[in-house]
PDB file of N, CA and C in Angstrom:
ATOM      1  N   MET A   1      29.168 155.559 156.677  1.00  0.00           N
ATOM      2  CA  MET A   1      28.143 155.602 155.647  1.00  0.00           C
ATOM      3  C   MET A   1      28.657 156.402 154.455  1.00  0.00           C
ATOM      4  N   ILE A   2      28.407 155.889 153.271  1.00  0.00           N
ATOM      5  CA  ILE A   2      28.856 156.552 152.052  1.00  0.00           C
ATOM      6  C   ILE A   2      27.695 157.348 151.470  1.00  0.00           C
ATOM      7  N   ASN A   3      27.969 158.616 151.162  1.00  0.00           N
ATOM      8  CA  ASN A   3      26.907 159.428 150.575  1.00  0.00           C
ATOM      9  C   ASN A   3      27.013 159.421 149.051  1.00  0.00           C
ATOM     10  N   GLU A   4      25.993 159.958 148.409  1.00  0.00           N
ATOM     11  CA  GLU A   4      25.916 159.934 146.950  1.00  0.00           C
ATOM     12  C   GLU A   4      27.073 160.679 146.297  1.00  0.00           C
ATOM     13  N   GLN A   5      27.461 161.804 146.847  1.00  0.00           N
ATOM     14  CA  GLN A   5      28.559 162.570 146.255  1.00  0.00           C
ATOM     15  C   GLN A   5      29.855 161.763 146.259  1.00  0.00           C
ATOM     16  N   ARG A   6      30.103 161.058 147.328  1.00  0.00           N
ATOM     17  CA  ARG A   6      31.312 160.235 147.404  1.00  0.00           C
ATOM     18  C   ARG A   6      31.265 159.109 146.375  1.00  0.00           C
ATOM     19  N   LEU A   7      30.101 158.497 146.202  1.00  0.00           N
ATOM     20  CA  LEU A   7      29.954 157.448 145.192  1.00  0.00           C
ATOM     21  C   LEU A   7      30.199 158.010 143.792  1.00  0.00           C
ATOM     22  N   ARG A   8      29.640 159.195 143.517  1.00  0.00           N
ATOM     23  CA  ARG A   8      29.857 159.826 142.206  1.00  0.00           C
ATOM     24  C   ARG A   8      31.336 160.099 141.979  1.00  0.00           C
ATOM     25  N   ASN A   9      32.020 160.611 143.002  1.00  0.00           N
ATOM     26  CA  ASN A   9      33.449 160.910 142.880  1.00  0.00           C
ATOM     27  C   ASN A   9      34.274 159.640 142.671  1.00  0.00           C
ATOM     28  N   ASN A  10      33.961 158.590 143.416  1.00  0.00           N
ATOM     29  CA  ASN A  10      34.668 157.324 143.256  1.00  0.00           C
ATOM     30  C   ASN A  10      34.454 156.756 141.857  1.00  0.00           C
ATOM     31  N   LEU A  11      33.210 156.752 141.400  1.00  0.00           N
ATOM     32  CA  LEU A  11      32.912 156.237 140.074  1.00  0.00           C
ATOM     33  C   LEU A  11      33.635 157.056 139.011  1.00  0.00           C
ATOM     34  N   ALA A  12      33.630 158.368 139.146  1.00  0.00           N
ATOM     35  CA  ALA A  12      34.296 159.241 138.175  1.00  0.00           C
ATOM     36  C   ALA A  12      35.771 158.886 138.064  1.00  0.00           C
ATOM     37  N   LYS A  13      36.440 158.787 139.174  1.00  0.00           N
ATOM     38  CA  LYS A  13      37.877 158.486 139.193  1.00  0.00           C
ATOM     39  C   LYS A  13      38.147 157.094 138.628  1.00  0.00           C
ATOM     40  N   ASN A  14      37.361 156.120 139.055  1.00  0.00           N
ATOM     41  CA  ASN A  14      37.579 154.740 138.637  1.00  0.00           C
ATOM     42  C   ASN A  14      37.284 154.520 137.161  1.00  0.00           C
ATOM     43  N   MET A  15      36.200 155.106 136.664  1.00  0.00           N
ATOM     44  CA  MET A  15      35.866 154.957 135.243  1.00  0.00           C
ATOM     45  C   MET A  15      36.953 155.560 134.368  1.00  0.00           C
ATOM     46  N   LYS A  16      37.371 156.750 134.710  1.00  0.00           N
ATOM     47  CA  LYS A  16      38.406 157.418 133.910  1.00  0.00           C
ATOM     48  C   LYS A  16      39.691 156.593 133.941  1.00  0.00           C
ATOM     49  N   TYR A  17      40.065 156.128 135.114  1.00  0.00           N
ATOM     50  CA  TYR A  17      41.264 155.300 135.265  1.00  0.00           C
ATOM     51  C   TYR A  17      41.177 154.054 134.384  1.00  0.00           C
ATOM     52  N   LEU A  18      40.086 153.317 134.496  1.00  0.00           N
ATOM     53  CA  LEU A  18      39.941 152.078 133.737  1.00  0.00           C
ATOM     54  C   LEU A  18      39.903 152.335 132.235  1.00  0.00           C
ATOM     55  N   ARG A  19      39.252 153.403 131.847  1.00  0.00           N
ATOM     56  CA  ARG A  19      39.172 153.723 130.415  1.00  0.00           C
ATOM     57  C   ARG A  19      40.543 154.104 129.859  1.00  0.00           C
ATOM     58  N   LEU A  20      41.335 154.842 130.628  1.00  0.00           N
ATOM     59  CA  LEU A  20      42.627 155.314 130.137  1.00  0.00           C
ATOM     60  C   LEU A  20      43.734 154.255 130.176  1.00  0.00           C
ATOM     61  N   ILE A  21      43.598 153.236 131.055  1.00  0.00           N
ATOM     62  CA  ILE A  21      44.620 152.183 131.069  1.00  0.00           C
ATOM     63  C   ILE A  21      44.283 151.057 130.100  1.00  0.00           C
ATOM     64  N   LYS A  22      43.075 151.029 129.591  1.00  0.00           N
ATOM     65  CA  LYS A  22      42.652 150.001 128.633  1.00  0.00           C
ATOM     66  C   LYS A  22      43.539 150.088 127.396  1.00  0.00           C
ATOM     67  N   ARG A  23      44.023 148.952 126.930  1.00  0.00           N
ATOM     68  CA  ARG A  23      44.843 148.932 125.722  1.00  0.00           C
ATOM     69  C   ARG A  23      44.144 148.100 124.673  1.00  0.00           C
ATOM     70  N   PRO A  24      43.843 148.622 123.506  1.00  0.00           N
ATOM     71  CA  PRO A  24      43.990 150.035 123.178  1.00  0.00           C
ATOM     72  C   PRO A  24      42.971 150.876 123.939  1.00  0.00           C
ATOM     73  N   ARG A  25      43.317 152.150 124.130  1.00  0.00           N
ATOM     74  CA  ARG A  25      42.409 153.048 124.855  1.00  0.00           C
ATOM     75  C   ARG A  25      41.065 153.110 124.151  1.00  0.00           C
ATOM     76  N   ILE A  26      40.043 153.265 124.966  1.00  0.00           N
ATOM     77  CA  ILE A  26      38.695 153.378 124.414  1.00  0.00           C
ATOM     78  C   ILE A  26      38.192 154.799 124.663  1.00  0.00           C
ATOM     79  N   SER A  27      37.536 155.355 123.694  1.00  0.00           N
ATOM     80  CA  SER A  27      36.982 156.701 123.841  1.00  0.00           C
ATOM     81  C   SER A  27      35.670 156.636 124.616  1.00  0.00           C
ATOM     82  N   GLN A  28      35.251 157.776 125.112  1.00  0.00           N
ATOM     83  CA  GLN A  28      33.943 157.847 125.771  1.00  0.00           C
ATOM     84  C   GLN A  28      32.847 157.435 124.799  1.00  0.00           C
ATOM     85  N   LYS A  29      32.967 157.869 123.562  1.00  0.00           N
ATOM     86  CA  LYS A  29      31.949 157.559 122.549  1.00  0.00           C
ATOM     87  C   LYS A  29      31.874 156.050 122.289  1.00  0.00           C
ATOM     88  N   ALA A  30      33.026 155.404 122.170  1.00  0.00           N
ATOM     89  CA  ALA A  30      33.047 153.959 121.927  1.00  0.00           C
ATOM     90  C   ALA A  30      32.497 153.191 123.127  1.00  0.00           C
ATOM     91  N   LEU A  31      32.862 153.614 124.326  1.00  0.00           N
ATOM     92  CA  LEU A  31      32.335 152.969 125.532  1.00  0.00           C
ATOM     93  C   LEU A  31      30.816 153.135 125.599  1.00  0.00           C
ATOM     94  N   ALA A  32      30.354 154.329 125.304  1.00  0.00           N
ATOM     95  CA  ALA A  32      28.912 154.597 125.312  1.00  0.00           C
ATOM     96  C   ALA A  32      28.181 153.680 124.329  1.00  0.00           C
ATOM     97  N   HIS A  33      28.736 153.533 123.142  1.00  0.00           N
ATOM     98  CA  HIS A  33      28.130 152.669 122.127  1.00  0.00           C
ATOM     99  C   HIS A  33      28.078 151.221 122.628  1.00  0.00           C
ATOM    100  N   TYR A  34      29.155 150.761 123.232  1.00  0.00           N
ATOM    101  CA  TYR A  34      29.230 149.389 123.722  1.00  0.00           C
ATOM    102  C   TYR A  34      28.163 149.105 124.776  1.00  0.00           C
ATOM    103  N   ILE A  35      27.942 150.058 125.706  1.00  0.00           N
ATOM    104  CA  ILE A  35      27.009 149.780 126.803  1.00  0.00           C
ATOM    105  C   ILE A  35      25.607 150.311 126.551  1.00  0.00           C
ATOM    106  N   GLY A  36      25.400 150.992 125.423  1.00  0.00           N
ATOM    107  CA  GLY A  36      24.051 151.422 125.054  1.00  0.00           C
ATOM    108  C   GLY A  36      23.600 152.722 125.690  1.00  0.00           C
ATOM    109  N   THR A  37      24.500 153.690 125.758  1.00  0.00           N
ATOM    110  CA  THR A  37      24.145 155.000 126.282  1.00  0.00           C
ATOM    111  C   THR A  37      24.800 156.058 125.393  1.00  0.00           C
ATOM    112  N   THR A  38      24.841 157.284 125.850  1.00  0.00           N
ATOM    113  CA  THR A  38      25.416 158.365 125.048  1.00  0.00           C
ATOM    114  C   THR A  38      26.781 158.768 125.587  1.00  0.00           C
ATOM    115  N   GLN A  39      27.565 159.414 124.722  1.00  0.00           N
ATOM    116  CA  GLN A  39      28.868 159.926 125.131  1.00  0.00           C
ATOM    117  C   GLN A  39      28.686 160.967 126.219  1.00  0.00           C
ATOM    118  N   ARG A  40      27.638 161.773 126.131  1.00  0.00           N
ATOM    119  CA  ARG A  40      27.368 162.796 127.144  1.00  0.00           C
ATOM    120  C   ARG A  40      27.143 162.147 128.508  1.00  0.00           C
ATOM    121  N   SER A  41      26.447 161.030 128.545  1.00  0.00           N
ATOM    122  CA  SER A  41      26.229 160.320 129.812  1.00  0.00           C
ATOM    123  C   SER A  41      27.545 159.831 130.396  1.00  0.00           C
ATOM    124  N   ILE A  42      28.401 159.245 129.554  1.00  0.00           N
ATOM    125  CA  ILE A  42      29.707 158.786 130.026  1.00  0.00           C
ATOM    126  C   ILE A  42      30.491 159.963 130.589  1.00  0.00           C
ATOM    127  N   SER A  43      30.462 161.083 129.903  1.00  0.00           N
ATOM    128  CA  SER A  43      31.147 162.289 130.371  1.00  0.00           C
ATOM    129  C   SER A  43      30.616 162.727 131.733  1.00  0.00           C
ATOM    130  N   ARG A  44      29.306 162.712 131.903  1.00  0.00           N
ATOM    131  CA  ARG A  44      28.707 163.105 133.187  1.00  0.00           C
ATOM    132  C   ARG A  44      29.137 162.164 134.310  1.00  0.00           C
ATOM    133  N   TYR A  45      29.242 160.867 134.014  1.00  0.00           N
ATOM    134  CA  TYR A  45      29.687 159.916 135.031  1.00  0.00           C
ATOM    135  C   TYR A  45      31.151 160.165 135.384  1.00  0.00           C
ATOM    136  N   GLU A  46      31.985 160.418 134.367  1.00  0.00           N
ATOM    137  CA  GLU A  46      33.414 160.640 134.606  1.00  0.00           C
ATOM    138  C   GLU A  46      33.708 161.985 135.263  1.00  0.00           C
ATOM    139  N   CYS A  47      32.782 162.922 135.164  1.00  0.00           N
ATOM    140  CA  CYS A  47      32.962 164.224 135.825  1.00  0.00           C
ATOM    141  C   CYS A  47      32.345 164.241 137.219  1.00  0.00           C
ATOM    142  N   GLY A  48      31.688 163.152 137.607  1.00  0.00           N
ATOM    143  CA  GLY A  48      31.062 163.076 138.924  1.00  0.00           C
ATOM    144  C   GLY A  48      29.762 163.848 139.017  1.00  0.00           C
ATOM    145  N   GLU A  49      29.149 164.128 137.886  1.00  0.00           N
ATOM    146  CA  GLU A  49      27.892 164.874 137.867  1.00  0.00           C
ATOM    147  C   GLU A  49      26.672 164.003 138.116  1.00  0.00           C
ATOM    148  N   ALA A  50      26.798 162.698 137.852  1.00  0.00           N
ATOM    149  CA  ALA A  50      25.635 161.811 137.971  1.00  0.00           C
ATOM    150  C   ALA A  50      26.090 160.381 138.215  1.00  0.00           C
ATOM    151  N   LEU A  51      25.190 159.592 138.761  1.00  0.00           N
ATOM    152  CA  LEU A  51      25.375 158.148 138.873  1.00  0.00           C
ATOM    153  C   LEU A  51      24.528 157.484 137.801  1.00  0.00           C
ATOM    154  N   PRO A  52      25.046 156.450 137.157  1.00  0.00           N
ATOM    155  CA  PRO A  52      24.258 155.777 136.124  1.00  0.00           C
ATOM    156  C   PRO A  52      23.197 154.872 136.729  1.00  0.00           C
ATOM    157  N   PRO A  53      22.172 154.545 135.940  1.00  0.00           N
ATOM    158  CA  PRO A  53      21.227 153.522 136.388  1.00  0.00           C
ATOM    159  C   PRO A  53      21.974 152.186 136.529  1.00  0.00           C
ATOM    160  N   LEU A  54      21.411 151.282 137.294  1.00  0.00           N
ATOM    161  CA  LEU A  54      22.088 150.014 137.576  1.00  0.00           C
ATOM    162  C   LEU A  54      22.432 149.215 136.319  1.00  0.00           C
ATOM    163  N   TYR A  55      21.568 149.212 135.304  1.00  0.00           N
ATOM    164  CA  TYR A  55      21.862 148.426 134.112  1.00  0.00           C
ATOM    165  C   TYR A  55      23.052 149.007 133.354  1.00  0.00           C
ATOM    166  N   ILE A  56      23.256 150.310 133.414  1.00  0.00           N
ATOM    167  CA  ILE A  56      24.426 150.942 132.787  1.00  0.00           C
ATOM    168  C   ILE A  56      25.672 150.645 133.627  1.00  0.00           C
ATOM    169  N   LEU A  57      25.548 150.762 134.940  1.00  0.00           N
ATOM    170  CA  LEU A  57      26.669 150.443 135.829  1.00  0.00           C
ATOM    171  C   LEU A  57      27.115 148.994 135.618  1.00  0.00           C
ATOM    172  N   ALA A  58      26.160 148.084 135.474  1.00  0.00           N
ATOM    173  CA  ALA A  58      26.479 146.673 135.221  1.00  0.00           C
ATOM    174  C   ALA A  58      27.209 146.519 133.889  1.00  0.00           C
ATOM    175  N   GLY A  59      26.787 147.257 132.864  1.00  0.00           N
ATOM    176  CA  GLY A  59      27.454 147.209 131.562  1.00  0.00           C
ATOM    177  C   GLY A  59      28.874 147.729 131.622  1.00  0.00           C
ATOM    178  N   ILE A  60      29.085 148.793 132.373  1.00  0.00           N
ATOM    179  CA  ILE A  60      30.431 149.357 132.543  1.00  0.00           C
ATOM    180  C   ILE A  60      31.325 148.336 133.245  1.00  0.00           C
ATOM    181  N   ALA A  61      30.813 147.753 134.323  1.00  0.00           N
ATOM    182  CA  ALA A  61      31.585 146.746 135.069  1.00  0.00           C
ATOM    183  C   ALA A  61      31.912 145.550 134.181  1.00  0.00           C
ATOM    184  N   ARG A  62      30.950 145.085 133.415  1.00  0.00           N
ATOM    185  CA  ARG A  62      31.166 143.945 132.524  1.00  0.00           C
ATOM    186  C   ARG A  62      32.247 144.280 131.489  1.00  0.00           C
ATOM    187  N   TYR A  63      32.180 145.470 130.919  1.00  0.00           N
ATOM    188  CA  TYR A  63      33.159 145.869 129.906  1.00  0.00           C
ATOM    189  C   TYR A  63      34.579 145.865 130.471  1.00  0.00           C
ATOM    190  N   PHE A  64      34.751 146.411 131.674  1.00  0.00           N
ATOM    191  CA  PHE A  64      36.081 146.521 132.257  1.00  0.00           C
ATOM    192  C   PHE A  64      36.499 145.280 133.051  1.00  0.00           C
ATOM    193  N   GLY A  65      35.623 144.297 133.156  1.00  0.00           N
ATOM    194  CA  GLY A  65      35.971 143.064 133.851  1.00  0.00           C
ATOM    195  C   GLY A  65      36.128 143.239 135.347  1.00  0.00           C
ATOM    196  N   CYS A  66      35.283 144.065 135.921  1.00  0.00           N
ATOM    197  CA  CYS A  66      35.330 144.278 137.368  1.00  0.00           C
ATOM    198  C   CYS A  66      33.900 144.200 137.910  1.00  0.00           C
ATOM    199  N   THR A  67      33.765 144.350 139.202  1.00  0.00           N
ATOM    200  CA  THR A  67      32.437 144.327 139.807  1.00  0.00           C
ATOM    201  C   THR A  67      31.896 145.753 139.924  1.00  0.00           C
ATOM    202  N   MET A  68      30.606 145.855 140.130  1.00  0.00           N
ATOM    203  CA  MET A  68      30.010 147.175 140.373  1.00  0.00           C
ATOM    204  C   MET A  68      30.568 147.759 141.665  1.00  0.00           C
ATOM    205  N   ASP A  69      30.805 146.907 142.654  1.00  0.00           N
ATOM    206  CA  ASP A  69      31.402 147.371 143.911  1.00  0.00           C
ATOM    207  C   ASP A  69      32.752 148.032 143.664  1.00  0.00           C
ATOM    208  N   GLU A  70      33.578 147.395 142.832  1.00  0.00           N
ATOM    209  CA  GLU A  70      34.893 147.965 142.541  1.00  0.00           C
ATOM    210  C   GLU A  70      34.777 149.327 141.868  1.00  0.00           C
ATOM    211  N   LEU A  71      33.804 149.477 140.980  1.00  0.00           N
ATOM    212  CA  LEU A  71      33.608 150.769 140.313  1.00  0.00           C
ATOM    213  C   LEU A  71      33.268 151.876 141.303  1.00  0.00           C
ATOM    214  N   LEU A  72      32.592 151.531 142.383  1.00  0.00           N
ATOM    215  CA  LEU A  72      32.122 152.529 143.339  1.00  0.00           C
ATOM    216  C   LEU A  72      33.021 152.686 144.563  1.00  0.00           C
ATOM    217  N   GLN A  73      34.043 151.845 144.673  1.00  0.00           N
ATOM    218  CA  GLN A  73      34.904 151.913 145.855  1.00  0.00           C
ATOM    219  C   GLN A  73      35.968 152.986 145.716  1.00  0.00           C
ATOM    220  N   ASP A  74      36.479 153.385 146.850  1.00  0.00           N
ATOM    221  CA  ASP A  74      37.551 154.371 146.895  1.00  0.00           C
ATOM    222  C   ASP A  74      38.886 153.677 146.669  1.00  0.00           C
ATOM    223  N   GLY A  75      39.768 154.274 145.887  1.00  0.00           N
ATOM    224  CA  GLY A  75      41.128 153.781 145.761  1.00  0.00           C
ATOM    225  C   GLY A  75      41.373 152.688 144.754  1.00  0.00           C
ATOM    226  N   LEU A  76      40.548 152.548 143.746  1.00  0.00           N
ATOM    227  CA  LEU A  76      40.767 151.505 142.747  1.00  0.00           C
ATOM    228  C   LEU A  76      42.134 151.624 142.064  1.00  0.00           C
ATOM    229  N   PRO A  77      42.565 152.807 141.625  1.00  0.00           N
ATOM    230  CA  PRO A  77      43.894 152.880 140.992  1.00  0.00           C
ATOM    231  C   PRO A  77      45.014 152.396 141.911  1.00  0.00           C
ATOM    232  N   GLU A  78      44.929 152.718 143.177  1.00  0.00           N
ATOM    233  CA  GLU A  78      45.950 152.274 144.115  1.00  0.00           C
ATOM    234  C   GLU A  78      45.921 150.756 144.279  1.00  0.00           C
ATOM    235  N   LYS A  79      44.730 150.173 144.261  1.00  0.00           N
ATOM    236  CA  LYS A  79      44.603 148.726 144.410  1.00  0.00           C
ATOM    237  C   LYS A  79      45.093 148.000 143.169  1.00  0.00           C
ATOM    238  N   LYS A  80      44.955 148.630 142.019  1.00  0.00           N
ATOM    239  CA  LYS A  80      45.429 148.036 140.770  1.00  0.00           C
ATOM    240  C   LYS A  80      46.914 148.279 140.562  1.00  0.00           C
ATOM    241  N   GLY A  81      47.515 149.148 141.413  1.00  0.00           N
ATOM    242  CA  GLY A  81      48.947 149.378 141.368  1.00  0.00           C
ATOM    243  C   GLY A  81      49.402 150.293 140.257  1.00  0.00           C
ATOM    244  N   ARG A  82      48.491 151.090 139.706  1.00  0.00           N
ATOM    245  CA  ARG A  82      48.856 152.019 138.640  1.00  0.00           C
ATOM    246  C   ARG A  82      48.257 153.367 138.921  1.00  0.00           C
ATOM    247  N   ASP A  83      48.788 154.358 138.273  1.00  0.00           N
ATOM    248  CA  ASP A  83      48.302 155.722 138.457  1.00  0.00           C
ATOM    249  C   ASP A  83      48.018 156.318 137.093  1.00  0.00           C
ATOM    250  N   ILE A  84      47.156 157.316 137.059  1.00  0.00           N
ATOM    251  CA  ILE A  84      46.876 158.023 135.814  1.00  0.00           C
ATOM    252  C   ILE A  84      47.245 159.472 135.986  1.00  0.00           C
ATOM    253  N   LYS A  85      47.492 160.109 134.889  1.00  0.00           N
ATOM    254  CA  LYS A  85      47.747 161.542 134.908  1.00  0.00           C
ATOM    255  C   LYS A  85      46.443 162.247 134.651  1.00  0.00           C
ATOM    256  N   GLU A  86      46.088 163.161 135.535  1.00  0.00           N
ATOM    257  CA  GLU A  86      44.831 163.905 135.397  1.00  0.00           C
ATOM    258  C   GLU A  86      44.918 164.855 134.238  1.00  0.00           C
TER     259      GLU A  86
END
């Protein structure tokens, strides 16, 4: 069973990874504008402080071309075959 903290941590890692490998890179502010939320909210998601509402999660997944499941799963960078520098 996956608990909320694990989901927050997975989402944080995956969002940051996807945002940083995007070419050209997208800022938190630009991503927030695209999906209709605030930069502070994006920051909270990437720090693992909160989970977004489903409509925001769907917007994030749509932007990055992945599923909501992929955003919440463990090991997305490893599955994509790339690594990021923390």
